[in-house]
Amino acid sequence: MFFPEGRIRVFVYGQPTDMRKSYDGLYALARNGLRQDVLSGHLFVFINRRGSQMKILYFDRSGWCIWAKGSRLANSSATGATCIAAKSTGRH
């Protein structure tokens, strides 16, 4: 994915997020909680209570994308983390 420099904004949701949420739940938090146009192509970041997991939601004209990263060892300096990417072509 290519992001044109200077055109993408990053919005961080300021409250702990349940990481079981997927496209619909994160979309609702970004739209209602951050009061932003979720179809804008900007990045919306959600972090869990312990700070050990993060999801990033964005829309890229062909569907929703979620990037997720989580540390297996919360509050540890170890770098044992995983990264996944998923895409949905569902329309809202």
PDB file of N, CA and C in Angstrom:
ATOM      1  N   MET A   1       0.846  -1.173   0.000  1.00  0.00           N
ATOM      2  CA  MET A   1       0.000   0.000   0.000  1.00  0.00           C
ATOM      3  C   MET A   1       0.887   1.229   0.000  1.00  0.00           C
ATOM      4  N   PHE A   2       0.625   2.166  -0.854  1.00  0.00           N
ATOM      5  CA  PHE A   2       1.380   3.406  -0.963  1.00  0.00           C
ATOM      6  C   PHE A   2       0.571   4.537  -0.357  1.00  0.00           C
ATOM      7  N   PHE A   3       1.172   5.251   0.583  1.00  0.00           N
ATOM      8  CA  PHE A   3       0.518   6.389   1.203  1.00  0.00           C
ATOM      9  C   PHE A   3       1.184   7.667   0.711  1.00  0.00           C
ATOM     10  N   PRO A   4       0.483   8.531   0.001  1.00  0.00           N
ATOM     11  CA  PRO A   4       1.082   9.796  -0.425  1.00  0.00           C
ATOM     12  C   PRO A   4       1.480  10.629   0.801  1.00  0.00           C
ATOM     13  N   GLU A   5       2.714  11.053   0.842  1.00  0.00           N
ATOM     14  CA  GLU A   5       3.221  11.795   1.992  1.00  0.00           C
ATOM     15  C   GLU A   5       2.439  13.083   2.208  1.00  0.00           C
ATOM     16  N   GLY A   6       2.092  13.335   3.450  1.00  0.00           N
ATOM     17  CA  GLY A   6       1.403  14.566   3.802  1.00  0.00           C
ATOM     18  C   GLY A   6      -0.106  14.523   3.657  1.00  0.00           C
ATOM     19  N   ARG A   7      -0.640  13.462   3.151  1.00  0.00           N
ATOM     20  CA  ARG A   7      -2.087  13.392   2.947  1.00  0.00           C
ATOM     21  C   ARG A   7      -2.790  12.474   3.935  1.00  0.00           C
ATOM     22  N   ILE A   8      -2.047  11.613   4.599  1.00  0.00           N
ATOM     23  CA  ILE A   8      -2.636  10.669   5.540  1.00  0.00           C
ATOM     24  C   ILE A   8      -2.498  11.217   6.959  1.00  0.00           C
ATOM     25  N   ARG A   9      -3.606  11.228   7.666  1.00  0.00           N
ATOM     26  CA  ARG A   9      -3.598  11.647   9.072  1.00  0.00           C
ATOM     27  C   ARG A   9      -3.820  10.422   9.939  1.00  0.00           C
ATOM     28  N   VAL A  10      -3.291  10.449  11.142  1.00  0.00           N
ATOM     29  CA  VAL A  10      -3.431   9.349  12.091  1.00  0.00           C
ATOM     30  C   VAL A  10      -4.245   9.854  13.276  1.00  0.00           C
ATOM     31  N   PHE A  11      -5.335   9.145  13.565  1.00  0.00           N
ATOM     32  CA  PHE A  11      -6.197   9.482  14.700  1.00  0.00           C
ATOM     33  C   PHE A  11      -6.115   8.343  15.709  1.00  0.00           C
ATOM     34  N   VAL A  12      -5.805   8.675  16.958  1.00  0.00           N
ATOM     35  CA  VAL A  12      -5.710   7.671  18.020  1.00  0.00           C
ATOM     36  C   VAL A  12      -6.929   7.798  18.918  1.00  0.00           C
ATOM     37  N   TYR A  13      -7.657   6.689  19.067  1.00  0.00           N
ATOM     38  CA  TYR A  13      -8.822   6.659  19.942  1.00  0.00           C
ATOM     39  C   TYR A  13      -8.318   6.719  21.378  1.00  0.00           C
ATOM     40  N   GLY A  14      -8.796   7.653  22.173  1.00  0.00           N
ATOM     41  CA  GLY A  14      -8.242   7.951  23.487  1.00  0.00           C
ATOM     42  C   GLY A  14      -8.673   7.079  24.640  1.00  0.00           C
ATOM     43  N   GLN A  15      -9.477   6.057  24.387  1.00  0.00           N
ATOM     44  CA  GLN A  15      -9.914   5.182  25.464  1.00  0.00           C
ATOM     45  C   GLN A  15      -9.527   3.749  25.131  1.00  0.00           C
ATOM     46  N   PRO A  16      -9.346   2.895  26.158  1.00  0.00           N
ATOM     47  CA  PRO A  16      -9.015   1.488  25.896  1.00  0.00           C
ATOM     48  C   PRO A  16     -10.093   0.835  25.039  1.00  0.00           C
ATOM     49  N   THR A  17      -9.660  -0.015  24.115  1.00  0.00           N
ATOM     50  CA  THR A  17     -10.571  -0.648  23.170  1.00  0.00           C
ATOM     51  C   THR A  17     -10.552  -2.157  23.341  1.00  0.00           C
ATOM     52  N   ASP A  18     -11.718  -2.770  23.271  1.00  0.00           N
ATOM     53  CA  ASP A  18     -11.846  -4.226  23.298  1.00  0.00           C
ATOM     54  C   ASP A  18     -11.303  -4.759  21.969  1.00  0.00           C
ATOM     55  N   MET A  19     -10.228  -5.522  22.012  1.00  0.00           N
ATOM     56  CA  MET A  19      -9.570  -5.994  20.798  1.00  0.00           C
ATOM     57  C   MET A  19     -10.337  -7.115  20.085  1.00  0.00           C
ATOM     58  N   ARG A  20     -11.465  -7.511  20.634  1.00  0.00           N
ATOM     59  CA  ARG A  20     -12.315  -8.466  19.912  1.00  0.00           C
ATOM     60  C   ARG A  20     -13.117  -7.773  18.821  1.00  0.00           C
ATOM     61  N   LYS A  21     -13.131  -6.449  18.843  1.00  0.00           N
ATOM     62  CA  LYS A  21     -13.866  -5.695  17.815  1.00  0.00           C
ATOM     63  C   LYS A  21     -13.202  -5.892  16.460  1.00  0.00           C
ATOM     64  N   SER A  22     -14.056  -5.947  15.438  1.00  0.00           N
ATOM     65  CA  SER A  22     -13.549  -6.072  14.079  1.00  0.00           C
ATOM     66  C   SER A  22     -13.994  -4.846  13.289  1.00  0.00           C
ATOM     67  N   TYR A  23     -14.220  -5.003  12.005  1.00  0.00           N
ATOM     68  CA  TYR A  23     -14.520  -3.880  11.109  1.00  0.00           C
ATOM     69  C   TYR A  23     -15.673  -3.004  11.603  1.00  0.00           C
ATOM     70  N   ASP A  24     -16.810  -3.617  11.873  1.00  0.00           N
ATOM     71  CA  ASP A  24     -17.994  -2.844  12.255  1.00  0.00           C
ATOM     72  C   ASP A  24     -17.806  -2.093  13.570  1.00  0.00           C
ATOM     73  N   GLY A  25     -17.256  -2.770  14.574  1.00  0.00           N
ATOM     74  CA  GLY A  25     -17.065  -2.146  15.874  1.00  0.00           C
ATOM     75  C   GLY A  25     -16.051  -1.012  15.841  1.00  0.00           C
ATOM     76  N   LEU A  26     -14.940  -1.222  15.136  1.00  0.00           N
ATOM     77  CA  LEU A  26     -13.923  -0.174  15.033  1.00  0.00           C
ATOM     78  C   LEU A  26     -14.427   0.990  14.184  1.00  0.00           C
ATOM     79  N   TYR A  27     -15.181   0.683  13.143  1.00  0.00           N
ATOM     80  CA  TYR A  27     -15.796   1.723  12.311  1.00  0.00           C
ATOM     81  C   TYR A  27     -16.688   2.624  13.168  1.00  0.00           C
ATOM     82  N   ALA A  28     -17.504   2.007  14.026  1.00  0.00           N
ATOM     83  CA  ALA A  28     -18.415   2.768  14.886  1.00  0.00           C
ATOM     84  C   ALA A  28     -17.643   3.645  15.870  1.00  0.00           C
ATOM     85  N   LEU A  29     -16.555   3.122  16.441  1.00  0.00           N
ATOM     86  CA  LEU A  29     -15.754   3.923  17.367  1.00  0.00           C
ATOM     87  C   LEU A  29     -15.113   5.117  16.661  1.00  0.00           C
ATOM     88  N   ALA A  30     -14.597   4.889  15.465  1.00  0.00           N
ATOM     89  CA  ALA A  30     -13.949   5.978  14.713  1.00  0.00           C
ATOM     90  C   ALA A  30     -14.973   7.033  14.298  1.00  0.00           C
ATOM     91  N   ARG A  31     -16.109   6.590  13.843  1.00  0.00           N
ATOM     92  CA  ARG A  31     -17.132   7.526  13.356  1.00  0.00           C
ATOM     93  C   ARG A  31     -17.783   8.292  14.497  1.00  0.00           C
ATOM     94  N   ASN A  32     -18.191   7.577  15.535  1.00  0.00           N
ATOM     95  CA  ASN A  32     -18.925   8.211  16.632  1.00  0.00           C
ATOM     96  C   ASN A  32     -18.000   8.768  17.720  1.00  0.00           C
ATOM     97  N   GLY A  33     -16.943   8.040  18.049  1.00  0.00           N
ATOM     98  CA  GLY A  33     -16.050   8.473  19.121  1.00  0.00           C
ATOM     99  C   GLY A  33     -15.079   9.549  18.691  1.00  0.00           C
ATOM    100  N   LEU A  34     -14.523   9.413  17.504  1.00  0.00           N
ATOM    101  CA  LEU A  34     -13.558  10.396  17.012  1.00  0.00           C
ATOM    102  C   LEU A  34     -14.205  11.455  16.123  1.00  0.00           C
ATOM    103  N   ARG A  35     -15.446  11.198  15.717  1.00  0.00           N
ATOM    104  CA  ARG A  35     -16.194  12.127  14.864  1.00  0.00           C
ATOM    105  C   ARG A  35     -15.426  12.482  13.586  1.00  0.00           C
ATOM    106  N   GLN A  36     -14.963  11.426  12.898  1.00  0.00           N
ATOM    107  CA  GLN A  36     -14.196  11.600  11.671  1.00  0.00           C
ATOM    108  C   GLN A  36     -14.859  10.833  10.537  1.00  0.00           C
ATOM    109  N   ASP A  37     -14.548  11.236   9.312  1.00  0.00           N
ATOM    110  CA  ASP A  37     -15.013  10.528   8.121  1.00  0.00           C
ATOM    111  C   ASP A  37     -14.143   9.298   7.947  1.00  0.00           C
ATOM    112  N   VAL A  38     -14.693   8.146   8.260  1.00  0.00           N
ATOM    113  CA  VAL A  38     -13.927   6.907   8.259  1.00  0.00           C
ATOM    114  C   VAL A  38     -13.566   6.471   6.839  1.00  0.00           C
ATOM    115  N   LEU A  39     -14.260   6.974   5.844  1.00  0.00           N
ATOM    116  CA  LEU A  39     -13.973   6.617   4.453  1.00  0.00           C
ATOM    117  C   LEU A  39     -12.912   7.525   3.833  1.00  0.00           C
ATOM    118  N   SER A  40     -12.268   8.349   4.638  1.00  0.00           N
ATOM    119  CA  SER A  40     -11.314   9.349   4.154  1.00  0.00           C
ATOM    120  C   SER A  40      -9.966   8.770   3.751  1.00  0.00           C
ATOM    121  N   GLY A  41      -9.654   7.548   4.179  1.00  0.00           N
ATOM    122  CA  GLY A  41      -8.347   6.970   3.910  1.00  0.00           C
ATOM    123  C   GLY A  41      -7.344   7.224   5.022  1.00  0.00           C
ATOM    124  N   HIS A  42      -7.766   7.961   6.068  1.00  0.00           N
ATOM    125  CA  HIS A  42      -6.883   8.207   7.203  1.00  0.00           C
ATOM    126  C   HIS A  42      -6.773   6.941   8.051  1.00  0.00           C
ATOM    127  N   LEU A  43      -5.800   6.904   8.935  1.00  0.00           N
ATOM    128  CA  LEU A  43      -5.570   5.751   9.808  1.00  0.00           C
ATOM    129  C   LEU A  43      -6.203   6.009  11.167  1.00  0.00           C
ATOM    130  N   PHE A  44      -6.877   4.996  11.698  1.00  0.00           N
ATOM    131  CA  PHE A  44      -7.532   5.083  12.999  1.00  0.00           C
ATOM    132  C   PHE A  44      -6.940   4.003  13.901  1.00  0.00           C
ATOM    133  N   VAL A  45      -6.296   4.437  14.990  1.00  0.00           N
ATOM    134  CA  VAL A  45      -5.541   3.541  15.867  1.00  0.00           C
ATOM    135  C   VAL A  45      -6.324   3.293  17.151  1.00  0.00           C
ATOM    136  N   PHE A  46      -6.369   2.025  17.550  1.00  0.00           N
ATOM    137  CA  PHE A  46      -7.071   1.599  18.765  1.00  0.00           C
ATOM    138  C   PHE A  46      -6.117   0.737  19.576  1.00  0.00           C
ATOM    139  N   ILE A  47      -6.059   0.991  20.895  1.00  0.00           N
ATOM    140  CA  ILE A  47      -5.131   0.284  21.774  1.00  0.00           C
ATOM    141  C   ILE A  47      -5.913  -0.289  22.946  1.00  0.00           C
ATOM    142  N   ASN A  48      -5.527  -1.505  23.389  1.00  0.00           N
ATOM    143  CA  ASN A  48      -6.232  -2.122  24.512  1.00  0.00           C
ATOM    144  C   ASN A  48      -5.808  -1.506  25.842  1.00  0.00           C
ATOM    145  N   ARG A  49      -6.454  -1.923  26.918  1.00  0.00           N
ATOM    146  CA  ARG A  49      -6.242  -1.334  28.243  1.00  0.00           C
ATOM    147  C   ARG A  49      -4.798  -1.490  28.720  1.00  0.00           C
ATOM    148  N   ARG A  50      -4.190  -2.652  28.496  1.00  0.00           N
ATOM    149  CA  ARG A  50      -2.825  -2.901  28.973  1.00  0.00           C
ATOM    150  C   ARG A  50      -1.763  -2.327  28.044  1.00  0.00           C
ATOM    151  N   GLY A  51      -2.172  -1.881  26.867  1.00  0.00           N
ATOM    152  CA  GLY A  51      -1.207  -1.352  25.911  1.00  0.00           C
ATOM    153  C   GLY A  51      -0.401  -2.429  25.219  1.00  0.00           C
ATOM    154  N   SER A  52      -0.886  -3.661  25.263  1.00  0.00           N
ATOM    155  CA  SER A  52      -0.161  -4.779  24.667  1.00  0.00           C
ATOM    156  C   SER A  52      -0.666  -5.145  23.272  1.00  0.00           C
ATOM    157  N   GLN A  53      -1.785  -4.560  22.855  1.00  0.00           N
ATOM    158  CA  GLN A  53      -2.342  -4.839  21.530  1.00  0.00           C
ATOM    159  C   GLN A  53      -2.798  -3.542  20.881  1.00  0.00           C
ATOM    160  N   MET A  54      -2.708  -3.533  19.547  1.00  0.00           N
ATOM    161  CA  MET A  54      -3.103  -2.357  18.790  1.00  0.00           C
ATOM    162  C   MET A  54      -3.733  -2.813  17.471  1.00  0.00           C
ATOM    163  N   LYS A  55      -4.760  -2.093  17.046  1.00  0.00           N
ATOM    164  CA  LYS A  55      -5.353  -2.307  15.733  1.00  0.00           C
ATOM    165  C   LYS A  55      -5.430  -0.974  15.015  1.00  0.00           C
ATOM    166  N   ILE A  56      -5.180  -1.012  13.715  1.00  0.00           N
ATOM    167  CA  ILE A  56      -5.282   0.181  12.884  1.00  0.00           C
ATOM    168  C   ILE A  56      -6.290  -0.106  11.780  1.00  0.00           C
ATOM    169  N   LEU A  57      -7.294   0.736  11.665  1.00  0.00           N
ATOM    170  CA  LEU A  57      -8.350   0.590  10.667  1.00  0.00           C
ATOM    171  C   LEU A  57      -8.188   1.667   9.607  1.00  0.00           C
ATOM    172  N   TYR A  58      -8.342   1.280   8.347  1.00  0.00           N
ATOM    173  CA  TYR A  58      -8.399   2.282   7.281  1.00  0.00           C
ATOM    174  C   TYR A  58      -9.184   1.735   6.097  1.00  0.00           C
ATOM    175  N   PHE A  59      -9.634   2.628   5.246  1.00  0.00           N
ATOM    176  CA  PHE A  59     -10.396   2.287   4.050  1.00  0.00           C
ATOM    177  C   PHE A  59      -9.575   2.711   2.840  1.00  0.00           C
ATOM    178  N   ASP A  60      -9.393   1.805   1.869  1.00  0.00           N
ATOM    179  CA  ASP A  60      -8.527   2.126   0.729  1.00  0.00           C
ATOM    180  C   ASP A  60      -9.227   2.064  -0.630  1.00  0.00           C
ATOM    181  N   ARG A  61     -10.484   2.437  -0.680  1.00  0.00           N
ATOM    182  CA  ARG A  61     -11.313   2.458  -1.895  1.00  0.00           C
ATOM    183  C   ARG A  61     -11.781   1.080  -2.344  1.00  0.00           C
ATOM    184  N   SER A  62     -11.071   0.016  -1.971  1.00  0.00           N
ATOM    185  CA  SER A  62     -11.509  -1.319  -2.356  1.00  0.00           C
ATOM    186  C   SER A  62     -12.031  -2.107  -1.162  1.00  0.00           C
ATOM    187  N   GLY A  63     -11.969  -1.534   0.033  1.00  0.00           N
ATOM    188  CA  GLY A  63     -12.482  -2.218   1.209  1.00  0.00           C
ATOM    189  C   GLY A  63     -11.783  -1.787   2.475  1.00  0.00           C
ATOM    190  N   TRP A  64     -12.217  -2.358   3.582  1.00  0.00           N
ATOM    191  CA  TRP A  64     -11.651  -2.066   4.890  1.00  0.00           C
ATOM    192  C   TRP A  64     -10.394  -2.879   5.109  1.00  0.00           C
ATOM    193  N   CYS A  65      -9.434  -2.293   5.790  1.00  0.00           N
ATOM    194  CA  CYS A  65      -8.203  -2.982   6.166  1.00  0.00           C
ATOM    195  C   CYS A  65      -7.997  -2.810   7.660  1.00  0.00           C
ATOM    196  N   ILE A  66      -7.525  -3.873   8.293  1.00  0.00           N
ATOM    197  CA  ILE A  66      -7.155  -3.813   9.707  1.00  0.00           C
ATOM    198  C   ILE A  66      -5.747  -4.356   9.834  1.00  0.00           C
ATOM    199  N   TRP A  67      -4.887  -3.578  10.459  1.00  0.00           N
ATOM    200  CA  TRP A  67      -3.576  -4.063  10.845  1.00  0.00           C
ATOM    201  C   TRP A  67      -3.643  -4.296  12.334  1.00  0.00           C
ATOM    202  N   ALA A  68      -3.101  -5.409  12.786  1.00  0.00           N
ATOM    203  CA  ALA A  68      -3.123  -5.718  14.217  1.00  0.00           C
ATOM    204  C   ALA A  68      -1.730  -6.125  14.670  1.00  0.00           C
ATOM    205  N   LYS A  69      -1.375  -5.669  15.853  1.00  0.00           N
ATOM    206  CA  LYS A  69      -0.094  -6.036  16.433  1.00  0.00           C
ATOM    207  C   LYS A  69      -0.315  -6.268  17.912  1.00  0.00           C
ATOM    208  N   GLY A  70       0.275  -7.342  18.422  1.00  0.00           N
ATOM    209  CA  GLY A  70       0.114  -7.655  19.827  1.00  0.00           C
ATOM    210  C   GLY A  70       1.361  -8.281  20.397  1.00  0.00           C
ATOM    211  N   SER A  71       1.692  -7.887  21.601  1.00  0.00           N
ATOM    212  CA  SER A  71       2.830  -8.451  22.305  1.00  0.00           C
ATOM    213  C   SER A  71       2.358  -9.629  23.127  1.00  0.00           C
ATOM    214  N   ARG A  72       3.051 -10.733  23.023  1.00  0.00           N
ATOM    215  CA  ARG A  72       2.689 -11.915  23.820  1.00  0.00           C
ATOM    216  C   ARG A  72       3.021 -11.700  25.291  1.00  0.00           C
ATOM    217  N   LEU A  73       3.998 -10.862  25.537  1.00  0.00           N
ATOM    218  CA  LEU A  73       4.447 -10.615  26.905  1.00  0.00           C
ATOM    219  C   LEU A  73       4.170  -9.169  27.274  1.00  0.00           C
ATOM    220  N   ALA A  74       3.034  -8.933  27.898  1.00  0.00           N
ATOM    221  CA  ALA A  74       2.663  -7.559  28.269  1.00  0.00           C
ATOM    222  C   ALA A  74       3.647  -7.026  29.298  1.00  0.00           C
ATOM    223  N   ASN A  75       3.940  -5.735  29.207  1.00  0.00           N
ATOM    224  CA  ASN A  75       4.856  -5.058  30.121  1.00  0.00           C
ATOM    225  C   ASN A  75       6.232  -5.708  30.151  1.00  0.00           C
ATOM    226  N   SER A  76       6.687  -6.187  29.023  1.00  0.00           N
ATOM    227  CA  SER A  76       7.988  -6.820  28.934  1.00  0.00           C
ATOM    228  C   SER A  76       8.810  -6.112  27.872  1.00  0.00           C
ATOM    229  N   SER A  77      10.111  -6.159  28.015  1.00  0.00           N
ATOM    230  CA  SER A  77      10.971  -5.543  27.014  1.00  0.00           C
ATOM    231  C   SER A  77      11.243  -6.493  25.860  1.00  0.00           C
ATOM    232  N   ALA A  78      10.736  -7.713  25.933  1.00  0.00           N
ATOM    233  CA  ALA A  78      10.930  -8.682  24.844  1.00  0.00           C
ATOM    234  C   ALA A  78      10.190  -8.220  23.599  1.00  0.00           C
ATOM    235  N   THR A  79      10.694  -8.585  22.456  1.00  0.00           N
ATOM    236  CA  THR A  79      10.078  -8.140  21.201  1.00  0.00           C
ATOM    237  C   THR A  79       9.226  -9.237  20.579  1.00  0.00           C
ATOM    238  N   GLY A  80       8.661 -10.121  21.380  1.00  0.00           N
ATOM    239  CA  GLY A  80       7.817 -11.184  20.854  1.00  0.00           C
ATOM    240  C   GLY A  80       6.468 -10.644  20.427  1.00  0.00           C
ATOM    241  N   ALA A  81       6.358 -10.183  19.209  1.00  0.00           N
ATOM    242  CA  ALA A  81       5.115  -9.587  18.719  1.00  0.00           C
ATOM    243  C   ALA A  81       4.737 -10.228  17.402  1.00  0.00           C
ATOM    244  N   THR A  82       3.473 -10.181  17.104  1.00  0.00           N
ATOM    245  CA  THR A  82       2.990 -10.714  15.839  1.00  0.00           C
ATOM    246  C   THR A  82       2.293  -9.597  15.080  1.00  0.00           C
ATOM    247  N   CYS A  83       2.233  -9.732  13.792  1.00  0.00           N
ATOM    248  CA  CYS A  83       1.584  -8.730  12.973  1.00  0.00           C
ATOM    249  C   CYS A  83       0.719  -9.427  11.936  1.00  0.00           C
ATOM    250  N   ILE A  84      -0.528  -9.005  11.798  1.00  0.00           N
ATOM    251  CA  ILE A  84      -1.410  -9.586  10.799  1.00  0.00           C
ATOM    252  C   ILE A  84      -2.064  -8.474  10.001  1.00  0.00           C
ATOM    253  N   ALA A  85      -2.502  -8.794   8.828  1.00  0.00           N
ATOM    254  CA  ALA A  85      -3.268  -7.835   8.019  1.00  0.00           C
ATOM    255  C   ALA A  85      -4.477  -8.568   7.479  1.00  0.00           C
ATOM    256  N   ALA A  86      -5.593  -7.898   7.452  1.00  0.00           N
ATOM    257  CA  ALA A  86      -6.822  -8.493   6.944  1.00  0.00           C
ATOM    258  C   ALA A  86      -7.570  -7.443   6.138  1.00  0.00           C
ATOM    259  N   LYS A  87      -8.417  -7.904   5.253  1.00  0.00           N
ATOM    260  CA  LYS A  87      -9.139  -6.964   4.413  1.00  0.00           C
ATOM    261  C   LYS A  87     -10.569  -7.447   4.221  1.00  0.00           C
ATOM    262  N   SER A  88     -11.488  -6.510   4.213  1.00  0.00           N
ATOM    263  CA  SER A  88     -12.889  -6.821   3.979  1.00  0.00           C
ATOM    264  C   SER A  88     -13.395  -5.916   2.854  1.00  0.00           C
ATOM    265  N   THR A  89     -14.190  -6.469   1.999  1.00  0.00           N
ATOM    266  CA  THR A  89     -14.759  -5.654   0.925  1.00  0.00           C
ATOM    267  C   THR A  89     -16.195  -5.286   1.247  1.00  0.00           C
ATOM    268  N   GLY A  90     -16.607  -5.507   2.499  1.00  0.00           N
ATOM    269  CA  GLY A  90     -17.952  -5.133   2.918  1.00  0.00           C
ATOM    270  C   GLY A  90     -18.163  -3.636   2.816  1.00  0.00           C
ATOM    271  N   ARG A  91     -19.365  -3.229   2.502  1.00  0.00           N
ATOM    272  CA  ARG A  91     -19.672  -1.791   2.369  1.00  0.00           C
ATOM    273  C   ARG A  91     -20.566  -1.366   3.518  1.00  0.00           C
ATOM    274  N   HIS A  92     -20.355  -0.132   4.005  1.00  0.00           N
ATOM    275  CA  HIS A  92     -21.146   0.411   5.121  1.00  0.00           C
ATOM    276  C   HIS A  92     -21.841   1.650   4.681  1.00  0.00           C
TER     277      HIS A  92
END
